[in-house]
Amino acid sequence: MIYLSKLLKERQLSQVLVLIFLIVLLGLGAFPGYITGRWQWKQPPAIAKLQELKKIRQNGLDIPGWKITDKLEPRIGEHKWLLQMMKKGQETTPVTLLVLPQNGPNDKPQIEWTDINSWGKLSWGKWDISQERDAEFNVKTTSQSGKILTTPIKARFFRVVTSQQTFAVLQWYAMPDRGNPSPVNWFFADQLAQWHRQRVAWAAVTILIPMEPLGQVETYWQATESLGQTVQSALLNIFE
């Protein structure tokens, strides 16, 4: 009983600390609005490159080394996504790229991965996830001044088995200086950016690479990582 009581107290303390941190963070975001009389939630800062992001759905996303074979705008959940089928070189089986770019200053990442799961079940009748792990990779780009920049990416990597096909899947929210599969990561980054009257643009990304039925997804990591780096790099060109 003593151990249980101590455990509950420690848990309550951690919850209180998290709550205090959130209140302080929100307060920091609101303080400039309090001073100027312009509250953030009434007049959110503009999203840099928002118009360019919105055009992704109509124009597609140019991926160096890949040829677009088909392009659609399916409604997944409450939003229209870009669905882009692509082939590289002489490959016969296309890869599927799904992108949901931010569509307005009040848009925020929420349940995109749940929406993709529902869409997958609706499309194929089956969407079984397995062999999931956290993935990390870096994207190197060159700034206008010639400096080499490294963008760290964290993502979900897993296998999906449908009634017709098995896929290696990579998912993350692309941002100008990072990538992360959690919407909470974007929330904190955006709150801190608003302190400087800025915003953090985002785009949800899902890559589906066909693989042999019931195979080991880890054998496809190198190919998946390479395409993930190329997609993030293409989005960074839009974010800049």
C-alpha atoms as a PDB file:
ATOM      1  CA  MET A   1       0.000   0.000   0.000  1.00  0.00           C
ATOM      2  CA  ILE A   2       2.812   2.388   0.824  1.00  0.00           C
ATOM      3  CA  TYR A   3       4.442   1.675  -2.538  1.00  0.00           C
ATOM      4  CA  LEU A   4       1.127   2.192  -4.359  1.00  0.00           C
ATOM      5  CA  SER A   5       0.501   5.469  -2.551  1.00  0.00           C
ATOM      6  CA  LYS A   6       3.991   6.687  -3.413  1.00  0.00           C
ATOM      7  CA  LEU A   7       3.527   5.678  -7.053  1.00  0.00           C
ATOM      8  CA  LEU A   8       0.249   7.575  -7.292  1.00  0.00           C
ATOM      9  CA  LYS A   9       1.814  10.676  -5.751  1.00  0.00           C
ATOM     10  CA  GLU A  10       4.724  10.563  -8.211  1.00  0.00           C
ATOM     11  CA  ARG A  11       2.321  10.151 -11.109  1.00  0.00           C
ATOM     12  CA  GLN A  12       0.196  13.070  -9.914  1.00  0.00           C
ATOM     13  CA  LEU A  13       3.320  15.204  -9.549  1.00  0.00           C
ATOM     14  CA  SER A  14       4.423  14.436 -13.117  1.00  0.00           C
ATOM     15  CA  GLN A  15       0.953  15.313 -14.408  1.00  0.00           C
ATOM     16  CA  VAL A  16       1.007  18.606 -12.506  1.00  0.00           C
ATOM     17  CA  LEU A  17       4.450  19.461 -13.911  1.00  0.00           C
ATOM     18  CA  VAL A  18       3.267  18.756 -17.463  1.00  0.00           C
ATOM     19  CA  LEU A  19       0.193  20.927 -16.873  1.00  0.00           C
ATOM     20  CA  ILE A  20       2.325  23.783 -15.529  1.00  0.00           C
ATOM     21  CA  PHE A  21       4.646  23.496 -18.537  1.00  0.00           C
ATOM     22  CA  LEU A  22       1.693  23.710 -20.943  1.00  0.00           C
ATOM     23  CA  ILE A  23       0.257  26.730 -19.123  1.00  0.00           C
ATOM     24  CA  VAL A  24       3.625  28.520 -19.221  1.00  0.00           C
ATOM     25  CA  LEU A  25       4.071  27.686 -22.895  1.00  0.00           C
ATOM     26  CA  LEU A  26       0.607  28.948 -23.784  1.00  0.00           C
ATOM     27  CA  GLY A  27       1.250  32.031 -21.678  1.00  0.00           C
ATOM     28  CA  LEU A  28       4.424  32.768 -23.607  1.00  0.00           C
ATOM     29  CA  GLY A  29       2.494  32.498 -26.838  1.00  0.00           C
ATOM     30  CA  ALA A  30      -0.232  34.820 -25.569  1.00  0.00           C
ATOM     31  CA  PHE A  31       1.973  37.444 -23.850  1.00  0.00           C
ATOM     32  CA  PRO A  32       2.872  39.417 -27.007  1.00  0.00           C
ATOM     33  CA  GLY A  33      -0.843  39.586 -27.828  1.00  0.00           C
ATOM     34  CA  TYR A  34      -1.603  40.856 -24.328  1.00  0.00           C
ATOM     35  CA  ILE A  35       0.928  43.678 -24.701  1.00  0.00           C
ATOM     36  CA  THR A  36      -0.187  44.735 -28.187  1.00  0.00           C
ATOM     37  CA  GLY A  37      -3.877  43.954 -27.845  1.00  0.00           C
ATOM     38  CA  ARG A  38      -3.670  41.601 -30.825  1.00  0.00           C
ATOM     39  CA  TRP A  39      -4.461  38.157 -29.565  1.00  0.00           C
ATOM     40  CA  GLN A  40      -2.866  35.246 -31.429  1.00  0.00           C
ATOM     41  CA  TRP A  41      -6.108  33.306 -31.727  1.00  0.00           C
ATOM     42  CA  LYS A  42      -7.855  36.319 -33.287  1.00  0.00           C
ATOM     43  CA  GLN A  43      -5.052  37.293 -35.638  1.00  0.00           C
ATOM     44  CA  PRO A  44      -2.774  34.293 -36.195  1.00  0.00           C
ATOM     45  CA  PRO A  45       0.485  35.103 -37.976  1.00  0.00           C
ATOM     46  CA  ALA A  46       0.608  34.353 -41.678  1.00  0.00           C
ATOM     47  CA  ILE A  47       1.942  31.004 -42.883  1.00  0.00           C
ATOM     48  CA  ALA A  48       4.998  31.434 -45.075  1.00  0.00           C
ATOM     49  CA  LYS A  49       4.606  29.746 -48.473  1.00  0.00           C
ATOM     50  CA  LEU A  50       0.983  28.818 -47.735  1.00  0.00           C
ATOM     51  CA  GLN A  51      -0.122  29.386 -51.326  1.00  0.00           C
ATOM     52  CA  GLU A  52       2.692  27.192 -52.625  1.00  0.00           C
ATOM     53  CA  LEU A  53       1.691  24.447 -50.191  1.00  0.00           C
ATOM     54  CA  LYS A  54      -1.956  24.604 -51.270  1.00  0.00           C
ATOM     55  CA  LYS A  55      -0.929  24.094 -54.900  1.00  0.00           C
ATOM     56  CA  ILE A  56       0.637  20.711 -54.128  1.00  0.00           C
ATOM     57  CA  ARG A  57      -2.720  18.945 -54.331  1.00  0.00           C
ATOM     58  CA  GLN A  58      -3.453  20.275 -57.816  1.00  0.00           C
ATOM     59  CA  ASN A  59       0.056  20.285 -59.282  1.00  0.00           C
ATOM     60  CA  GLY A  60       1.564  17.269 -57.557  1.00  0.00           C
ATOM     61  CA  LEU A  61       4.982  17.086 -55.921  1.00  0.00           C
ATOM     62  CA  ASP A  62       7.980  16.842 -58.227  1.00  0.00           C
ATOM     63  CA  ILE A  63      10.302  14.129 -56.908  1.00  0.00           C
ATOM     64  CA  PRO A  64      13.728  14.077 -58.635  1.00  0.00           C
ATOM     65  CA  GLY A  65      14.399  10.738 -60.309  1.00  0.00           C
ATOM     66  CA  TRP A  66      10.756   9.686 -60.222  1.00  0.00           C
ATOM     67  CA  LYS A  67       8.078   9.858 -62.923  1.00  0.00           C
ATOM     68  CA  ILE A  68       4.477  10.596 -61.960  1.00  0.00           C
ATOM     69  CA  THR A  69       2.163   8.041 -63.601  1.00  0.00           C
ATOM     70  CA  ASP A  70      -1.125   9.115 -62.007  1.00  0.00           C
ATOM     71  CA  LYS A  71      -2.386  11.866 -59.742  1.00  0.00           C
ATOM     72  CA  LEU A  72      -5.657  12.084 -57.789  1.00  0.00           C
ATOM     73  CA  GLU A  73      -7.232  14.209 -55.049  1.00  0.00           C
ATOM     74  CA  PRO A  74      -9.099  11.702 -52.878  1.00  0.00           C
ATOM     75  CA  ARG A  75     -11.053  12.792 -49.829  1.00  0.00           C
ATOM     76  CA  ILE A  76      -9.497  11.082 -46.832  1.00  0.00           C
ATOM     77  CA  GLY A  77     -11.223  11.910 -43.581  1.00  0.00           C
ATOM     78  CA  GLU A  78     -12.290  15.545 -43.768  1.00  0.00           C
ATOM     79  CA  HIS A  79      -9.579  16.667 -46.183  1.00  0.00           C
ATOM     80  CA  LYS A  80      -8.536  16.328 -49.793  1.00  0.00           C
ATOM     81  CA  TRP A  81      -5.109  14.761 -50.172  1.00  0.00           C
ATOM     82  CA  LEU A  82      -2.684  14.444 -53.034  1.00  0.00           C
ATOM     83  CA  LEU A  83      -2.396  10.801 -54.136  1.00  0.00           C
ATOM     84  CA  GLN A  84       0.518  10.436 -56.502  1.00  0.00           C
ATOM     85  CA  MET A  85       1.586   7.214 -58.212  1.00  0.00           C
ATOM     86  CA  MET A  86       5.272   7.198 -59.193  1.00  0.00           C
ATOM     87  CA  LYS A  87       7.822   4.972 -60.899  1.00  0.00           C
ATOM     88  CA  LYS A  88      11.608   5.115 -60.838  1.00  0.00           C
ATOM     89  CA  GLY A  89      13.623   4.034 -63.852  1.00  0.00           C
ATOM     90  CA  GLN A  90      12.456   0.745 -65.341  1.00  0.00           C
ATOM     91  CA  GLU A  91      10.457  -0.344 -62.293  1.00  0.00           C
ATOM     92  CA  THR A  92       7.039  -1.719 -63.227  1.00  0.00           C
ATOM     93  CA  THR A  93       5.251  -1.472 -59.860  1.00  0.00           C
ATOM     94  CA  PRO A  94       4.398   2.097 -58.838  1.00  0.00           C
ATOM     95  CA  VAL A  95       4.965   3.608 -55.419  1.00  0.00           C
ATOM     96  CA  THR A  96       2.143   5.580 -53.785  1.00  0.00           C
ATOM     97  CA  LEU A  97       2.800   9.006 -52.255  1.00  0.00           C
ATOM     98  CA  LEU A  98       0.078  10.644 -50.157  1.00  0.00           C
ATOM     99  CA  VAL A  99       0.506  14.274 -49.068  1.00  0.00           C
ATOM    100  CA  LEU A 100      -1.830  16.521 -47.089  1.00  0.00           C
ATOM    101  CA  PRO A 101      -0.393  20.064 -47.225  1.00  0.00           C
ATOM    102  CA  GLN A 102      -1.521  22.706 -44.769  1.00  0.00           C
ATOM    103  CA  ASN A 103      -4.488  24.512 -46.308  1.00  0.00           C
ATOM    104  CA  GLY A 104      -4.931  27.536 -44.030  1.00  0.00           C
ATOM    105  CA  PRO A 105      -3.549  29.354 -40.961  1.00  0.00           C
ATOM    106  CA  ASN A 106      -5.915  27.487 -38.632  1.00  0.00           C
ATOM    107  CA  ASP A 107      -5.160  24.032 -40.039  1.00  0.00           C
ATOM    108  CA  LYS A 108      -3.261  21.796 -37.657  1.00  0.00           C
ATOM    109  CA  PRO A 109      -2.221  18.135 -37.738  1.00  0.00           C
ATOM    110  CA  GLN A 110      -4.601  15.938 -35.768  1.00  0.00           C
ATOM    111  CA  ILE A 111      -5.682  12.400 -36.725  1.00  0.00           C
ATOM    112  CA  GLU A 112      -4.195  12.025 -40.210  1.00  0.00           C
ATOM    113  CA  TRP A 113      -2.779   8.548 -39.541  1.00  0.00           C
ATOM    114  CA  THR A 114      -6.165   7.329 -38.302  1.00  0.00           C
ATOM    115  CA  ASP A 115      -7.739   8.765 -41.447  1.00  0.00           C
ATOM    116  CA  ILE A 116      -5.204   6.900 -43.593  1.00  0.00           C
ATOM    117  CA  ASN A 117      -6.018   3.653 -41.765  1.00  0.00           C
ATOM    118  CA  SER A 118      -9.734   4.143 -42.427  1.00  0.00           C
ATOM    119  CA  TRP A 119      -9.073   4.998 -46.082  1.00  0.00           C
ATOM    120  CA  GLY A 120      -6.920   1.892 -46.458  1.00  0.00           C
ATOM    121  CA  LYS A 121      -9.627  -0.365 -45.041  1.00  0.00           C
ATOM    122  CA  LEU A 122     -12.227   1.262 -47.277  1.00  0.00           C
ATOM    123  CA  SER A 123     -10.022   0.943 -50.366  1.00  0.00           C
ATOM    124  CA  TRP A 124      -8.796  -2.629 -49.861  1.00  0.00           C
ATOM    125  CA  GLY A 125     -11.161  -4.095 -47.283  1.00  0.00           C
ATOM    126  CA  LYS A 126      -8.196  -4.892 -45.048  1.00  0.00           C
ATOM    127  CA  TRP A 127      -5.422  -2.820 -43.495  1.00  0.00           C
ATOM    128  CA  ASP A 128      -3.384  -4.836 -41.011  1.00  0.00           C
ATOM    129  CA  ILE A 129      -0.399  -3.048 -39.445  1.00  0.00           C
ATOM    130  CA  SER A 130       2.583  -4.997 -38.080  1.00  0.00           C
ATOM    131  CA  GLN A 131       6.370  -4.827 -37.630  1.00  0.00           C
ATOM    132  CA  GLU A 132       6.109  -1.165 -36.615  1.00  0.00           C
ATOM    133  CA  ARG A 133       9.092   0.770 -35.268  1.00  0.00           C
ATOM    134  CA  ASP A 134      10.290   4.336 -34.842  1.00  0.00           C
ATOM    135  CA  ALA A 135      12.535   5.448 -37.679  1.00  0.00           C
ATOM    136  CA  GLU A 136      15.059   8.272 -37.896  1.00  0.00           C
ATOM    137  CA  PHE A 137      16.989   9.720 -40.820  1.00  0.00           C
ATOM    138  CA  ASN A 138      18.561  13.002 -41.888  1.00  0.00           C
ATOM    139  CA  VAL A 139      18.071  15.173 -44.946  1.00  0.00           C
ATOM    140  CA  LYS A 140      21.004  17.285 -46.103  1.00  0.00           C
ATOM    141  CA  THR A 141      20.399  20.420 -48.156  1.00  0.00           C
ATOM    142  CA  THR A 142      22.471  23.439 -49.171  1.00  0.00           C
ATOM    143  CA  SER A 143      21.429  26.943 -48.167  1.00  0.00           C
ATOM    144  CA  GLN A 144      21.633  29.918 -50.511  1.00  0.00           C
ATOM    145  CA  SER A 145      24.893  30.891 -48.795  1.00  0.00           C
ATOM    146  CA  GLY A 146      26.345  27.460 -49.556  1.00  0.00           C
ATOM    147  CA  LYS A 147      26.077  26.137 -46.005  1.00  0.00           C
ATOM    148  CA  ILE A 148      25.199  22.452 -45.575  1.00  0.00           C
ATOM    149  CA  LEU A 149      22.022  22.075 -43.515  1.00  0.00           C
ATOM    150  CA  THR A 150      20.883  18.878 -41.812  1.00  0.00           C
ATOM    151  CA  THR A 151      17.187  18.321 -41.137  1.00  0.00           C
ATOM    152  CA  PRO A 152      16.426  15.515 -38.634  1.00  0.00           C
ATOM    153  CA  ILE A 153      13.398  13.360 -39.402  1.00  0.00           C
ATOM    154  CA  LYS A 154      11.530  10.998 -37.112  1.00  0.00           C
ATOM    155  CA  ALA A 155       8.843   8.808 -38.671  1.00  0.00           C
ATOM    156  CA  ARG A 156       6.650   5.734 -38.308  1.00  0.00           C
ATOM    157  CA  PHE A 157       7.885   2.725 -40.274  1.00  0.00           C
ATOM    158  CA  PHE A 158       5.758  -0.405 -40.547  1.00  0.00           C
ATOM    159  CA  ARG A 159       4.259  -3.081 -42.761  1.00  0.00           C
ATOM    160  CA  VAL A 160       0.658  -3.049 -43.981  1.00  0.00           C
ATOM    161  CA  VAL A 161      -1.083  -6.108 -45.366  1.00  0.00           C
ATOM    162  CA  THR A 162      -4.206  -5.507 -47.472  1.00  0.00           C
ATOM    163  CA  SER A 163      -6.436  -7.940 -49.338  1.00  0.00           C
ATOM    164  CA  GLN A 164      -4.448  -7.298 -52.530  1.00  0.00           C
ATOM    165  CA  GLN A 165      -1.005  -5.961 -51.665  1.00  0.00           C
ATOM    166  CA  THR A 166       1.609  -5.700 -48.920  1.00  0.00           C
ATOM    167  CA  PHE A 167       3.323  -2.332 -48.354  1.00  0.00           C
ATOM    168  CA  ALA A 168       6.279  -0.876 -46.506  1.00  0.00           C
ATOM    169  CA  VAL A 169       4.906   2.368 -45.043  1.00  0.00           C
ATOM    170  CA  LEU A 170       6.618   5.555 -43.849  1.00  0.00           C
ATOM    171  CA  GLN A 171       4.665   8.396 -42.189  1.00  0.00           C
ATOM    172  CA  TRP A 172       5.641  11.772 -40.757  1.00  0.00           C
ATOM    173  CA  TYR A 173       4.664  15.435 -40.588  1.00  0.00           C
ATOM    174  CA  ALA A 174       7.133  17.404 -42.685  1.00  0.00           C
ATOM    175  CA  MET A 175       8.119  20.831 -41.321  1.00  0.00           C
ATOM    176  CA  PRO A 176      10.725  23.414 -42.411  1.00  0.00           C
ATOM    177  CA  ASP A 177      13.332  22.306 -39.856  1.00  0.00           C
ATOM    178  CA  ARG A 178      12.270  18.787 -38.892  1.00  0.00           C
ATOM    179  CA  GLY A 179       9.940  15.875 -39.397  1.00  0.00           C
ATOM    180  CA  ASN A 180       7.965  14.022 -36.735  1.00  0.00           C
ATOM    181  CA  PRO A 181       5.011  11.619 -36.707  1.00  0.00           C
ATOM    182  CA  SER A 182       3.423  13.254 -33.644  1.00  0.00           C
ATOM    183  CA  PRO A 183       1.109  16.286 -33.983  1.00  0.00           C
ATOM    184  CA  VAL A 184       2.177  17.296 -30.469  1.00  0.00           C
ATOM    185  CA  ASN A 185       5.685  17.974 -31.758  1.00  0.00           C
ATOM    186  CA  TRP A 186       4.272  20.432 -34.300  1.00  0.00           C
ATOM    187  CA  PHE A 187       2.089  22.065 -31.623  1.00  0.00           C
ATOM    188  CA  PHE A 188       5.028  22.913 -29.371  1.00  0.00           C
ATOM    189  CA  ALA A 189       7.137  24.118 -32.311  1.00  0.00           C
ATOM    190  CA  ASP A 190       4.291  26.309 -33.559  1.00  0.00           C
ATOM    191  CA  GLN A 191       3.647  27.812 -30.117  1.00  0.00           C
ATOM    192  CA  LEU A 192       7.303  28.770 -29.771  1.00  0.00           C
ATOM    193  CA  ALA A 193       7.322  30.229 -33.291  1.00  0.00           C
ATOM    194  CA  GLN A 194       4.318  32.415 -32.488  1.00  0.00           C
ATOM    195  CA  TRP A 195       6.385  34.076 -29.772  1.00  0.00           C
ATOM    196  CA  HIS A 196       8.328  35.568 -32.707  1.00  0.00           C
ATOM    197  CA  ARG A 197       5.130  36.258 -34.696  1.00  0.00           C
ATOM    198  CA  GLN A 198       5.878  33.325 -36.979  1.00  0.00           C
ATOM    199  CA  ARG A 199       4.221  29.987 -37.726  1.00  0.00           C
ATOM    200  CA  VAL A 200       5.442  26.483 -38.530  1.00  0.00           C
ATOM    201  CA  ALA A 201       4.096  25.181 -41.829  1.00  0.00           C
ATOM    202  CA  TRP A 202       3.471  21.450 -42.182  1.00  0.00           C
ATOM    203  CA  ALA A 203       2.474  18.671 -44.551  1.00  0.00           C
ATOM    204  CA  ALA A 204       1.433  15.121 -43.644  1.00  0.00           C
ATOM    205  CA  VAL A 205       3.281  12.481 -45.686  1.00  0.00           C
ATOM    206  CA  THR A 206       2.588   8.783 -46.216  1.00  0.00           C
ATOM    207  CA  ILE A 207       4.693   6.611 -48.535  1.00  0.00           C
ATOM    208  CA  LEU A 208       3.509   3.151 -49.621  1.00  0.00           C
ATOM    209  CA  ILE A 209       6.160   0.923 -51.219  1.00  0.00           C
ATOM    210  CA  PRO A 210       4.927  -2.448 -52.545  1.00  0.00           C
ATOM    211  CA  MET A 211       6.733  -5.475 -51.117  1.00  0.00           C
ATOM    212  CA  GLU A 212       6.397  -9.253 -51.296  1.00  0.00           C
ATOM    213  CA  PRO A 213       3.404 -10.732 -49.439  1.00  0.00           C
ATOM    214  CA  LEU A 214       4.052 -11.131 -45.711  1.00  0.00           C
ATOM    215  CA  GLY A 215       7.736 -10.248 -46.148  1.00  0.00           C
ATOM    216  CA  GLN A 216      10.010  -8.558 -43.623  1.00  0.00           C
ATOM    217  CA  VAL A 217       9.567  -4.793 -43.838  1.00  0.00           C
ATOM    218  CA  GLU A 218      13.097  -4.182 -42.544  1.00  0.00           C
ATOM    219  CA  THR A 219      14.546  -5.410 -45.844  1.00  0.00           C
ATOM    220  CA  TYR A 220      12.883  -2.384 -47.489  1.00  0.00           C
ATOM    221  CA  TRP A 221      14.246   0.207 -45.081  1.00  0.00           C
ATOM    222  CA  GLN A 222      17.058   1.440 -47.320  1.00  0.00           C
ATOM    223  CA  ALA A 223      14.724   2.071 -50.275  1.00  0.00           C
ATOM    224  CA  THR A 224      12.083   3.615 -48.013  1.00  0.00           C
ATOM    225  CA  GLU A 225      14.595   5.884 -46.271  1.00  0.00           C
ATOM    226  CA  SER A 226      15.979   7.070 -49.615  1.00  0.00           C
ATOM    227  CA  LEU A 227      12.545   8.012 -50.925  1.00  0.00           C
ATOM    228  CA  GLY A 228      11.645   9.641 -47.604  1.00  0.00           C
ATOM    229  CA  GLN A 229      14.750  11.822 -47.820  1.00  0.00           C
ATOM    230  CA  THR A 230      13.893  12.839 -51.386  1.00  0.00           C
ATOM    231  CA  VAL A 231      10.286  13.695 -50.497  1.00  0.00           C
ATOM    232  CA  GLN A 232      11.315  15.770 -47.464  1.00  0.00           C
ATOM    233  CA  SER A 233      13.914  17.565 -49.598  1.00  0.00           C
ATOM    234  CA  ALA A 234      11.245  18.405 -52.194  1.00  0.00           C
ATOM    235  CA  LEU A 235       9.001  19.814 -49.467  1.00  0.00           C
ATOM    236  CA  LEU A 236      11.890  21.820 -47.999  1.00  0.00           C
ATOM    237  CA  ASN A 237      12.237  23.545 -51.377  1.00  0.00           C
ATOM    238  CA  ILE A 238       8.625  24.681 -50.975  1.00  0.00           C
ATOM    239  CA  PHE A 239       8.951  25.648 -47.302  1.00  0.00           C
ATOM    240  CA  GLU A 240      11.970  27.893 -47.998  1.00  0.00           C
END
